[in-house]
Amino acid sequence: MKHRTLILAAALLLATQGGFAQDVPLRVVATIAVEGAFVEIEPLLRERSGLPVNVEFATAAALVERLTAAGPA
């Protein structure tokens, strides 16, 4: 439960920092290790942020590769 709360809090903090258009989806890229938690978190994030949410899961290695290649996460 602590991990889910932490993930939700971090996502909400980022989503409410201003500069977000209401019609632009909040994009979450996470490791597959937290995929199960997002079953519960995604609806809460959508509800509390008021933003559409797109969640994409990948392995940690794939995320590191994408980030070091200077591409979009």
N, C-alpha and C. Protein backbone atom coordinates (compact mmCIF):
# COMPACT_ATOMS: atom_id res chain seq x y z
N MET A 1 0.81 -1.20 0.00
CA MET A 1 0.00 0.00 0.00
C MET A 1 0.86 1.27 0.00
N LYS A 2 2.00 1.24 0.70
CA LYS A 2 2.86 2.42 0.73
C LYS A 2 3.35 2.79 -0.65
N HIS A 3 3.71 1.77 -1.46
CA HIS A 3 4.22 2.04 -2.80
C HIS A 3 3.14 2.66 -3.67
N ARG A 4 1.91 2.14 -3.56
CA ARG A 4 0.82 2.69 -4.37
C ARG A 4 0.56 4.14 -3.99
N THR A 5 0.57 4.43 -2.70
CA THR A 5 0.34 5.79 -2.24
C THR A 5 1.44 6.72 -2.72
N LEU A 6 2.66 6.26 -2.66
CA LEU A 6 3.79 7.07 -3.11
C LEU A 6 3.72 7.34 -4.61
N ILE A 7 3.39 6.32 -5.38
CA ILE A 7 3.28 6.49 -6.83
C ILE A 7 2.16 7.46 -7.17
N LEU A 8 1.01 7.30 -6.52
CA LEU A 8 -0.12 8.19 -6.77
C LEU A 8 0.22 9.62 -6.37
N ALA A 9 0.86 9.79 -5.23
CA ALA A 9 1.22 11.12 -4.78
C ALA A 9 2.18 11.80 -5.75
N ALA A 10 3.16 11.06 -6.22
CA ALA A 10 4.12 11.63 -7.18
C ALA A 10 3.44 12.01 -8.48
N ALA A 11 2.57 11.15 -8.96
CA ALA A 11 1.87 11.45 -10.21
C ALA A 11 0.95 12.65 -10.06
N LEU A 12 0.25 12.73 -8.95
CA LEU A 12 -0.64 13.88 -8.71
C LEU A 12 0.16 15.16 -8.58
N LEU A 13 1.29 15.11 -7.92
CA LEU A 13 2.13 16.29 -7.78
C LEU A 13 2.55 16.80 -9.14
N LEU A 14 2.99 15.91 -10.00
CA LEU A 14 3.40 16.31 -11.34
C LEU A 14 2.22 16.84 -12.16
N ALA A 15 1.07 16.22 -12.00
CA ALA A 15 -0.10 16.61 -12.79
C ALA A 15 -0.67 17.95 -12.37
N THR A 16 -0.42 18.37 -11.15
CA THR A 16 -1.02 19.61 -10.67
C THR A 16 -0.03 20.76 -10.62
N GLN A 17 1.11 20.64 -11.26
CA GLN A 17 2.12 21.69 -11.22
C GLN A 17 1.85 22.82 -12.21
N GLY A 18 0.74 22.79 -12.88
CA GLY A 18 0.42 23.86 -13.82
C GLY A 18 1.03 23.59 -15.19
N GLY A 19 0.54 24.29 -16.18
CA GLY A 19 1.06 24.13 -17.51
C GLY A 19 0.48 22.94 -18.24
N PHE A 20 -0.42 22.22 -17.62
CA PHE A 20 -1.05 21.07 -18.25
C PHE A 20 -2.38 21.50 -18.85
N ALA A 21 -2.56 21.24 -20.12
CA ALA A 21 -3.85 21.50 -20.74
C ALA A 21 -4.80 20.38 -20.34
N GLN A 22 -6.03 20.71 -20.11
CA GLN A 22 -7.00 19.72 -19.64
C GLN A 22 -7.27 18.63 -20.67
N ASP A 23 -7.01 18.88 -21.93
CA ASP A 23 -7.30 17.86 -22.93
C ASP A 23 -6.07 17.00 -23.28
N VAL A 24 -4.93 17.34 -22.71
CA VAL A 24 -3.71 16.59 -22.98
C VAL A 24 -3.57 15.50 -21.93
N PRO A 25 -3.46 14.24 -22.37
CA PRO A 25 -3.37 13.15 -21.40
C PRO A 25 -2.09 13.20 -20.58
N LEU A 26 -2.20 12.78 -19.34
CA LEU A 26 -1.04 12.61 -18.49
C LEU A 26 -0.41 11.28 -18.88
N ARG A 27 0.84 11.31 -19.27
CA ARG A 27 1.51 10.10 -19.74
C ARG A 27 2.37 9.55 -18.61
N VAL A 28 2.13 8.32 -18.26
CA VAL A 28 2.88 7.63 -17.22
C VAL A 28 3.62 6.48 -17.86
N VAL A 29 4.93 6.46 -17.68
CA VAL A 29 5.75 5.36 -18.17
C VAL A 29 6.37 4.73 -16.93
N ALA A 30 6.15 3.44 -16.76
CA ALA A 30 6.61 2.77 -15.55
C ALA A 30 7.09 1.36 -15.87
N THR A 31 7.83 0.81 -14.93
CA THR A 31 8.29 -0.56 -15.11
C THR A 31 7.14 -1.52 -14.90
N ILE A 32 7.28 -2.69 -15.47
CA ILE A 32 6.23 -3.70 -15.33
C ILE A 32 6.08 -4.17 -13.89
N ALA A 33 7.05 -3.87 -13.06
CA ALA A 33 6.99 -4.26 -11.65
C ALA A 33 5.83 -3.59 -10.92
N VAL A 34 5.39 -2.42 -11.38
CA VAL A 34 4.30 -1.71 -10.71
C VAL A 34 2.98 -1.80 -11.48
N GLU A 35 2.95 -2.60 -12.50
CA GLU A 35 1.75 -2.71 -13.32
C GLU A 35 0.52 -3.11 -12.50
N GLY A 36 0.68 -4.05 -11.59
CA GLY A 36 -0.44 -4.49 -10.76
C GLY A 36 -1.00 -3.37 -9.90
N ALA A 37 -0.13 -2.52 -9.38
CA ALA A 37 -0.57 -1.40 -8.55
C ALA A 37 -1.38 -0.40 -9.36
N PHE A 38 -1.07 -0.25 -10.63
CA PHE A 38 -1.77 0.73 -11.45
C PHE A 38 -3.20 0.33 -11.76
N VAL A 39 -3.56 -0.91 -11.53
CA VAL A 39 -4.96 -1.32 -11.68
C VAL A 39 -5.81 -0.48 -10.73
N GLU A 40 -5.30 -0.23 -9.53
CA GLU A 40 -6.01 0.58 -8.55
C GLU A 40 -5.68 2.07 -8.67
N ILE A 41 -4.45 2.39 -9.02
CA ILE A 41 -4.01 3.77 -9.03
C ILE A 41 -4.53 4.57 -10.22
N GLU A 42 -4.58 3.97 -11.38
CA GLU A 42 -4.96 4.71 -12.59
C GLU A 42 -6.32 5.39 -12.47
N PRO A 43 -7.37 4.70 -12.03
CA PRO A 43 -8.66 5.39 -11.90
C PRO A 43 -8.62 6.53 -10.87
N LEU A 44 -7.87 6.34 -9.79
CA LEU A 44 -7.75 7.40 -8.79
C LEU A 44 -7.00 8.60 -9.35
N LEU A 45 -5.95 8.34 -10.09
CA LEU A 45 -5.17 9.41 -10.71
C LEU A 45 -6.03 10.20 -11.68
N ARG A 46 -6.78 9.49 -12.51
CA ARG A 46 -7.66 10.14 -13.48
C ARG A 46 -8.71 11.00 -12.75
N GLU A 47 -9.30 10.44 -11.72
CA GLU A 47 -10.35 11.14 -10.97
C GLU A 47 -9.81 12.37 -10.24
N ARG A 48 -8.70 12.22 -9.57
CA ARG A 48 -8.17 13.31 -8.74
C ARG A 48 -7.45 14.38 -9.53
N SER A 49 -6.87 14.03 -10.66
CA SER A 49 -6.15 15.03 -11.45
C SER A 49 -7.08 15.72 -12.44
N GLY A 50 -8.15 15.01 -12.83
CA GLY A 50 -9.05 15.56 -13.83
C GLY A 50 -8.50 15.45 -15.24
N LEU A 51 -7.42 14.72 -15.40
CA LEU A 51 -6.78 14.57 -16.70
C LEU A 51 -6.96 13.16 -17.22
N PRO A 52 -7.03 13.00 -18.54
CA PRO A 52 -6.98 11.65 -19.08
C PRO A 52 -5.59 11.07 -18.82
N VAL A 53 -5.51 9.77 -18.62
CA VAL A 53 -4.25 9.13 -18.25
C VAL A 53 -3.91 8.03 -19.25
N ASN A 54 -2.71 8.07 -19.78
CA ASN A 54 -2.18 7.00 -20.62
C ASN A 54 -1.02 6.36 -19.88
N VAL A 55 -1.13 5.07 -19.61
CA VAL A 55 -0.08 4.36 -18.88
C VAL A 55 0.57 3.36 -19.81
N GLU A 56 1.89 3.35 -19.81
CA GLU A 56 2.66 2.42 -20.63
C GLU A 56 3.67 1.73 -19.72
N PHE A 57 3.77 0.41 -19.85
CA PHE A 57 4.69 -0.36 -19.04
C PHE A 57 5.77 -0.96 -19.92
N ALA A 58 6.98 -1.01 -19.38
CA ALA A 58 8.11 -1.63 -20.08
C ALA A 58 9.07 -2.16 -19.03
N THR A 59 10.00 -2.96 -19.47
CA THR A 59 11.01 -3.45 -18.54
C THR A 59 11.92 -2.29 -18.17
N ALA A 60 12.58 -2.41 -17.04
CA ALA A 60 13.51 -1.37 -16.61
C ALA A 60 14.61 -1.17 -17.64
N ALA A 61 15.10 -2.26 -18.19
CA ALA A 61 16.16 -2.16 -19.20
C ALA A 61 15.68 -1.39 -20.43
N ALA A 62 14.46 -1.64 -20.86
CA ALA A 62 13.92 -0.94 -22.02
C ALA A 62 13.75 0.55 -21.73
N LEU A 63 13.32 0.89 -20.51
CA LEU A 63 13.17 2.30 -20.16
C LEU A 63 14.51 3.01 -20.11
N VAL A 64 15.51 2.36 -19.53
CA VAL A 64 16.85 2.95 -19.48
C VAL A 64 17.38 3.16 -20.90
N GLU A 65 17.17 2.20 -21.75
CA GLU A 65 17.63 2.31 -23.13
C GLU A 65 16.96 3.49 -23.83
N ARG A 66 15.67 3.63 -23.65
CA ARG A 66 14.94 4.75 -24.28
C ARG A 66 15.40 6.09 -23.74
N LEU A 67 15.61 6.17 -22.43
CA LEU A 67 16.01 7.44 -21.83
C LEU A 67 17.43 7.83 -22.21
N THR A 68 18.32 6.87 -22.29
CA THR A 68 19.71 7.19 -22.65
C THR A 68 19.86 7.46 -24.13
N ALA A 69 18.91 7.05 -24.92
CA ALA A 69 18.94 7.33 -26.35
C ALA A 69 18.36 8.72 -26.66
N ALA A 70 18.01 9.45 -25.60
CA ALA A 70 17.46 10.80 -25.72
C ALA A 70 16.12 10.82 -26.45
N GLY A 71 15.44 9.71 -26.45
CA GLY A 71 14.10 9.67 -27.04
C GLY A 71 13.06 9.91 -25.97
N PRO A 72 11.80 9.99 -26.38
CA PRO A 72 10.75 10.15 -25.37
C PRO A 72 10.66 8.91 -24.51
N ALA A 73 10.42 9.12 -23.24
CA ALA A 73 10.31 7.99 -22.31
C ALA A 73 9.16 7.14 -22.73
